[in-house]
Amino acid sequence: MSYMDIANVATDMTQAQNVNKEQLWGLKSMLNNQSNMVQQLLGEVTNNNPPNTGDKINTKA
């Protein structure tokens, strides 16, 4: 294997590593956004529900 081959392999590995970093960053960003959305929805559900008094809600029409 020539020095040029070694240099090319090293370059390829570095580029692949950078792509992986970008993919991981994108995945982390997406998961953070989903987490924030879930937290927001949980907050809305919690705020909109009346306190639990133990009374059963009459679901029969």
PDB file of N, CA and C in Angstrom:
ATOM      1  N   MET A   1       0.858  -1.191   0.000  1.00  0.00           N
ATOM      2  CA  MET A   1       0.000   0.000   0.000  1.00  0.00           C
ATOM      3  C   MET A   1       0.893   1.240   0.000  1.00  0.00           C
ATOM      4  N   SER A   2       0.653   2.102  -0.932  1.00  0.00           N
ATOM      5  CA  SER A   2       1.485   3.301  -1.052  1.00  0.00           C
ATOM      6  C   SER A   2       1.055   4.360  -0.037  1.00  0.00           C
ATOM      7  N   TYR A   3       1.903   5.340   0.117  1.00  0.00           N
ATOM      8  CA  TYR A   3       1.557   6.451   1.012  1.00  0.00           C
ATOM      9  C   TYR A   3       0.293   7.159   0.542  1.00  0.00           C
ATOM     10  N   MET A   4       0.128   7.232  -0.778  1.00  0.00           N
ATOM     11  CA  MET A   4      -1.062   7.883  -1.331  1.00  0.00           C
ATOM     12  C   MET A   4      -2.313   7.097  -0.958  1.00  0.00           C
ATOM     13  N   ASP A   5      -2.223   5.764  -1.032  1.00  0.00           N
ATOM     14  CA  ASP A   5      -3.367   4.928  -0.652  1.00  0.00           C
ATOM     15  C   ASP A   5      -3.726   5.149   0.812  1.00  0.00           C
ATOM     16  N   ILE A   6      -2.704   5.196   1.648  1.00  0.00           N
ATOM     17  CA  ILE A   6      -2.932   5.406   3.084  1.00  0.00           C
ATOM     18  C   ILE A   6      -3.578   6.773   3.311  1.00  0.00           C
ATOM     19  N   ALA A   7      -3.097   7.779   2.588  1.00  0.00           N
ATOM     20  CA  ALA A   7      -3.659   9.127   2.724  1.00  0.00           C
ATOM     21  C   ALA A   7      -5.114   9.142   2.272  1.00  0.00           C
ATOM     22  N   ASN A   8      -5.418   8.429   1.196  1.00  0.00           N
ATOM     23  CA  ASN A   8      -6.795   8.374   0.704  1.00  0.00           C
ATOM     24  C   ASN A   8      -7.711   7.670   1.698  1.00  0.00           C
ATOM     25  N   VAL A   9      -7.232   6.576   2.270  1.00  0.00           N
ATOM     26  CA  VAL A   9      -8.035   5.852   3.264  1.00  0.00           C
ATOM     27  C   VAL A   9      -8.285   6.744   4.477  1.00  0.00           C
ATOM     28  N   ALA A  10      -7.250   7.445   4.921  1.00  0.00           N
ATOM     29  CA  ALA A  10      -7.395   8.337   6.075  1.00  0.00           C
ATOM     30  C   ALA A  10      -8.399   9.441   5.775  1.00  0.00           C
ATOM     31  N   THR A  11      -8.348   9.978   4.569  1.00  0.00           N
ATOM     32  CA  THR A  11      -9.302  11.025   4.169  1.00  0.00           C
ATOM     33  C   THR A  11     -10.718  10.480   4.156  1.00  0.00           C
ATOM     34  N   ASP A  12     -10.881   9.284   3.580  1.00  0.00           N
ATOM     35  CA  ASP A  12     -12.209   8.658   3.539  1.00  0.00           C
ATOM     36  C   ASP A  12     -12.752   8.434   4.942  1.00  0.00           C
ATOM     37  N   MET A  13     -11.889   7.974   5.842  1.00  0.00           N
ATOM     38  CA  MET A  13     -12.326   7.710   7.217  1.00  0.00           C
ATOM     39  C   MET A  13     -12.727   9.004   7.917  1.00  0.00           C
ATOM     40  N   THR A  14     -11.971  10.060   7.681  1.00  0.00           N
ATOM     41  CA  THR A  14     -12.285  11.357   8.288  1.00  0.00           C
ATOM     42  C   THR A  14     -13.611  11.886   7.772  1.00  0.00           C
ATOM     43  N   GLN A  15     -13.824  11.757   6.459  1.00  0.00           N
ATOM     44  CA  GLN A  15     -15.085  12.230   5.886  1.00  0.00           C
ATOM     45  C   GLN A  15     -16.262  11.427   6.431  1.00  0.00           C
ATOM     46  N   ALA A  16     -16.083  10.104   6.549  1.00  0.00           N
ATOM     47  CA  ALA A  16     -17.147   9.260   7.092  1.00  0.00           C
ATOM     48  C   ALA A  16     -17.439   9.638   8.538  1.00  0.00           C
ATOM     49  N   GLN A  17     -16.396   9.949   9.297  1.00  0.00           N
ATOM     50  CA  GLN A  17     -16.573  10.352  10.691  1.00  0.00           C
ATOM     51  C   GLN A  17     -17.358  11.659  10.776  1.00  0.00           C
ATOM     52  N   ASN A  18     -17.049  12.593   9.887  1.00  0.00           N
ATOM     53  CA  ASN A  18     -17.761  13.873   9.884  1.00  0.00           C
ATOM     54  C   ASN A  18     -19.226  13.691   9.530  1.00  0.00           C
ATOM     55  N   VAL A  19     -19.508  12.809   8.558  1.00  0.00           N
ATOM     56  CA  VAL A  19     -20.894  12.532   8.184  1.00  0.00           C
ATOM     57  C   VAL A  19     -21.634  11.939   9.377  1.00  0.00           C
ATOM     58  N   ASN A  20     -20.988  11.000  10.069  1.00  0.00           N
ATOM     59  CA  ASN A  20     -21.619  10.390  11.240  1.00  0.00           C
ATOM     60  C   ASN A  20     -21.917  11.431  12.311  1.00  0.00           C
ATOM     61  N   LYS A  21     -20.997  12.357  12.515  1.00  0.00           N
ATOM     62  CA  LYS A  21     -21.215  13.420  13.504  1.00  0.00           C
ATOM     63  C   LYS A  21     -22.421  14.269  13.119  1.00  0.00           C
ATOM     64  N   GLU A  22     -22.517  14.590  11.828  1.00  0.00           N
ATOM     65  CA  GLU A  22     -23.648  15.404  11.371  1.00  0.00           C
ATOM     66  C   GLU A  22     -24.960  14.645  11.529  1.00  0.00           C
ATOM     67  N   GLN A  23     -24.941  13.341  11.215  1.00  0.00           N
ATOM     68  CA  GLN A  23     -26.155  12.540  11.356  1.00  0.00           C
ATOM     69  C   GLN A  23     -26.564  12.449  12.822  1.00  0.00           C
ATOM     70  N   LEU A  24     -25.595  12.251  13.704  1.00  0.00           N
ATOM     71  CA  LEU A  24     -25.895  12.173  15.133  1.00  0.00           C
ATOM     72  C   LEU A  24     -26.422  13.504  15.652  1.00  0.00           C
ATOM     73  N   TRP A  25     -25.835  14.601  15.179  1.00  0.00           N
ATOM     74  CA  TRP A  25     -26.298  15.922  15.604  1.00  0.00           C
ATOM     75  C   TRP A  25     -27.737  16.136  15.148  1.00  0.00           C
ATOM     76  N   GLY A  26     -28.031  15.731  13.905  1.00  0.00           N
ATOM     77  CA  GLY A  26     -29.393  15.863  13.392  1.00  0.00           C
ATOM     78  C   GLY A  26     -30.368  15.019  14.176  1.00  0.00           C
ATOM     79  N   LEU A  27     -29.962  13.801  14.508  1.00  0.00           N
ATOM     80  CA  LEU A  27     -30.825  12.908  15.287  1.00  0.00           C
ATOM     81  C   LEU A  27     -31.060  13.478  16.678  1.00  0.00           C
ATOM     82  N   LYS A  28     -29.998  13.986  17.297  1.00  0.00           N
ATOM     83  CA  LYS A  28     -30.123  14.577  18.632  1.00  0.00           C
ATOM     84  C   LYS A  28     -31.063  15.779  18.598  1.00  0.00           C
ATOM     85  N   SER A  29     -30.925  16.600  17.573  1.00  0.00           N
ATOM     86  CA  SER A  29     -31.783  17.776  17.425  1.00  0.00           C
ATOM     87  C   SER A  29     -33.241  17.361  17.272  1.00  0.00           C
ATOM     88  N   MET A  30     -33.480  16.326  16.465  1.00  0.00           N
ATOM     89  CA  MET A  30     -34.844  15.854  16.239  1.00  0.00           C
ATOM     90  C   MET A  30     -35.437  15.298  17.536  1.00  0.00           C
ATOM     91  N   LEU A  31     -34.632  14.531  18.272  1.00  0.00           N
ATOM     92  CA  LEU A  31     -35.119  13.964  19.532  1.00  0.00           C
ATOM     93  C   LEU A  31     -35.387  15.058  20.560  1.00  0.00           C
ATOM     94  N   ASN A  32     -34.545  16.082  20.581  1.00  0.00           N
ATOM     95  CA  ASN A  32     -34.777  17.209  21.485  1.00  0.00           C
ATOM     96  C   ASN A  32     -36.091  17.899  21.157  1.00  0.00           C
ATOM     97  N   ASN A  33     -36.350  18.095  19.861  1.00  0.00           N
ATOM     98  CA  ASN A  33     -37.601  18.729  19.450  1.00  0.00           C
ATOM     99  C   ASN A  33     -38.798  17.880  19.850  1.00  0.00           C
ATOM    100  N   GLN A  34     -38.684  16.560  19.654  1.00  0.00           N
ATOM    101  CA  GLN A  34     -39.786  15.674  20.028  1.00  0.00           C
ATOM    102  C   GLN A  34     -39.995  15.696  21.537  1.00  0.00           C
ATOM    103  N   SER A  35     -38.898  15.713  22.281  1.00  0.00           N
ATOM    104  CA  SER A  35     -38.988  15.756  23.737  1.00  0.00           C
ATOM    105  C   SER A  35     -39.678  17.037  24.193  1.00  0.00           C
ATOM    106  N   ASN A  36     -39.310  18.152  23.573  1.00  0.00           N
ATOM    107  CA  ASN A  36     -39.943  19.429  23.922  1.00  0.00           C
ATOM    108  C   ASN A  36     -41.430  19.401  23.609  1.00  0.00           C
ATOM    109  N   MET A  37     -41.790  18.774  22.490  1.00  0.00           N
ATOM    110  CA  MET A  37     -43.191  18.697  22.102  1.00  0.00           C
ATOM    111  C   MET A  37     -43.972  17.840  23.105  1.00  0.00           C
ATOM    112  N   VAL A  38     -43.379  16.727  23.506  1.00  0.00           N
ATOM    113  CA  VAL A  38     -44.033  15.855  24.487  1.00  0.00           C
ATOM    114  C   VAL A  38     -44.219  16.595  25.806  1.00  0.00           C
ATOM    115  N   GLN A  39     -43.195  17.307  26.239  1.00  0.00           N
ATOM    116  CA  GLN A  39     -43.297  18.076  27.484  1.00  0.00           C
ATOM    117  C   GLN A  39     -44.409  19.115  27.389  1.00  0.00           C
ATOM    118  N   GLN A  40     -44.510  19.753  26.236  1.00  0.00           N
ATOM    119  CA  GLN A  40     -45.539  20.773  26.030  1.00  0.00           C
ATOM    120  C   GLN A  40     -46.926  20.138  26.079  1.00  0.00           C
ATOM    121  N   LEU A  41     -47.077  18.989  25.402  1.00  0.00           N
ATOM    122  CA  LEU A  41     -48.372  18.304  25.402  1.00  0.00           C
ATOM    123  C   LEU A  41     -48.738  17.832  26.803  1.00  0.00           C
ATOM    124  N   LEU A  42     -47.756  17.298  27.525  1.00  0.00           N
ATOM    125  CA  LEU A  42     -48.019  16.854  28.897  1.00  0.00           C
ATOM    126  C   LEU A  42     -48.465  18.023  29.760  1.00  0.00           C
ATOM    127  N   GLY A  43     -47.829  19.165  29.557  1.00  0.00           N
ATOM    128  CA  GLY A  43     -48.214  20.358  30.304  1.00  0.00           C
ATOM    129  C   GLY A  43     -49.634  20.769  29.991  1.00  0.00           C
ATOM    130  N   GLU A  44     -50.007  20.720  28.717  1.00  0.00           N
ATOM    131  CA  GLU A  44     -51.367  21.102  28.333  1.00  0.00           C
ATOM    132  C   GLU A  44     -52.381  20.129  28.917  1.00  0.00           C
ATOM    133  N   VAL A  45     -52.079  18.836  28.842  1.00  0.00           N
ATOM    134  CA  VAL A  45     -52.995  17.829  29.384  1.00  0.00           C
ATOM    135  C   VAL A  45     -53.158  18.031  30.884  1.00  0.00           C
ATOM    136  N   THR A  46     -52.034  18.258  31.564  1.00  0.00           N
ATOM    137  CA  THR A  46     -52.075  18.440  33.016  1.00  0.00           C
ATOM    138  C   THR A  46     -52.862  19.694  33.383  1.00  0.00           C
ATOM    139  N   ASN A  47     -52.652  20.769  32.640  1.00  0.00           N
ATOM    140  CA  ASN A  47     -53.312  22.034  32.958  1.00  0.00           C
ATOM    141  C   ASN A  47     -54.799  22.012  32.631  1.00  0.00           C
ATOM    142  N   ASN A  48     -55.189  21.228  31.631  1.00  0.00           N
ATOM    143  CA  ASN A  48     -56.585  21.222  31.209  1.00  0.00           C
ATOM    144  C   ASN A  48     -57.445  20.252  32.005  1.00  0.00           C
ATOM    145  N   ASN A  49     -56.817  19.324  32.707  1.00  0.00           N
ATOM    146  CA  ASN A  49     -57.598  18.353  33.466  1.00  0.00           C
ATOM    147  C   ASN A  49     -58.013  18.931  34.810  1.00  0.00           C
ATOM    148  N   PRO A  50     -59.264  18.736  35.194  1.00  0.00           N
ATOM    149  CA  PRO A  50     -59.667  19.156  36.541  1.00  0.00           C
ATOM    150  C   PRO A  50     -58.993  18.256  37.566  1.00  0.00           C
ATOM    151  N   PRO A  51     -58.858  18.708  38.785  1.00  0.00           N
ATOM    152  CA  PRO A  51     -58.239  17.855  39.803  1.00  0.00           C
ATOM    153  C   PRO A  51     -59.073  16.598  40.011  1.00  0.00           C
ATOM    154  N   ASN A  52     -58.409  15.512  40.327  1.00  0.00           N
ATOM    155  CA  ASN A  52     -59.093  14.236  40.521  1.00  0.00           C
ATOM    156  C   ASN A  52     -59.726  14.211  41.906  1.00  0.00           C
ATOM    157  N   THR A  53     -61.056  14.269  41.936  1.00  0.00           N
ATOM    158  CA  THR A  53     -61.770  14.274  43.219  1.00  0.00           C
ATOM    159  C   THR A  53     -62.243  12.876  43.588  1.00  0.00           C
ATOM    160  N   GLY A  54     -61.968  11.913  42.710  1.00  0.00           N
ATOM    161  CA  GLY A  54     -62.421  10.555  42.974  1.00  0.00           C
ATOM    162  C   GLY A  54     -63.797  10.282  42.397  1.00  0.00           C
ATOM    163  N   ASP A  55     -64.492  11.337  41.942  1.00  0.00           N
ATOM    164  CA  ASP A  55     -65.823  11.142  41.354  1.00  0.00           C
ATOM    165  C   ASP A  55     -65.682  10.512  39.978  1.00  0.00           C
ATOM    166  N   LYS A  56     -66.574   9.589  39.666  1.00  0.00           N
ATOM    167  CA  LYS A  56     -66.566   8.970  38.348  1.00  0.00           C
ATOM    168  C   LYS A  56     -67.321   9.873  37.378  1.00  0.00           C
ATOM    169  N   ILE A  57     -66.770  10.011  36.193  1.00  0.00           N
ATOM    170  CA  ILE A  57     -67.452  10.808  35.173  1.00  0.00           C
ATOM    171  C   ILE A  57     -68.520   9.935  34.534  1.00  0.00           C
ATOM    172  N   ASN A  58     -69.711  10.470  34.401  1.00  0.00           N
ATOM    173  CA  ASN A  58     -70.809   9.724  33.792  1.00  0.00           C
ATOM    174  C   ASN A  58     -70.635   9.763  32.281  1.00  0.00           C
ATOM    175  N   THR A  59     -70.273   8.612  31.713  1.00  0.00           N
ATOM    176  CA  THR A  59     -70.027   8.572  30.275  1.00  0.00           C
ATOM    177  C   THR A  59     -71.250   8.091  29.502  1.00  0.00           C
ATOM    178  N   LYS A  60     -72.298   7.702  30.208  1.00  0.00           N
ATOM    179  CA  LYS A  60     -73.497   7.228  29.509  1.00  0.00           C
ATOM    180  C   LYS A  60     -74.314   8.424  29.043  1.00  0.00           C
ATOM    181  N   ALA A  61     -74.719   8.385  27.789  1.00  0.00           N
ATOM    182  CA  ALA A  61     -75.492   9.502  27.234  1.00  0.00           C
ATOM    183  C   ALA A  61     -76.948   9.364  27.632  1.00  0.00           C
TER     184      ALA A  61
END
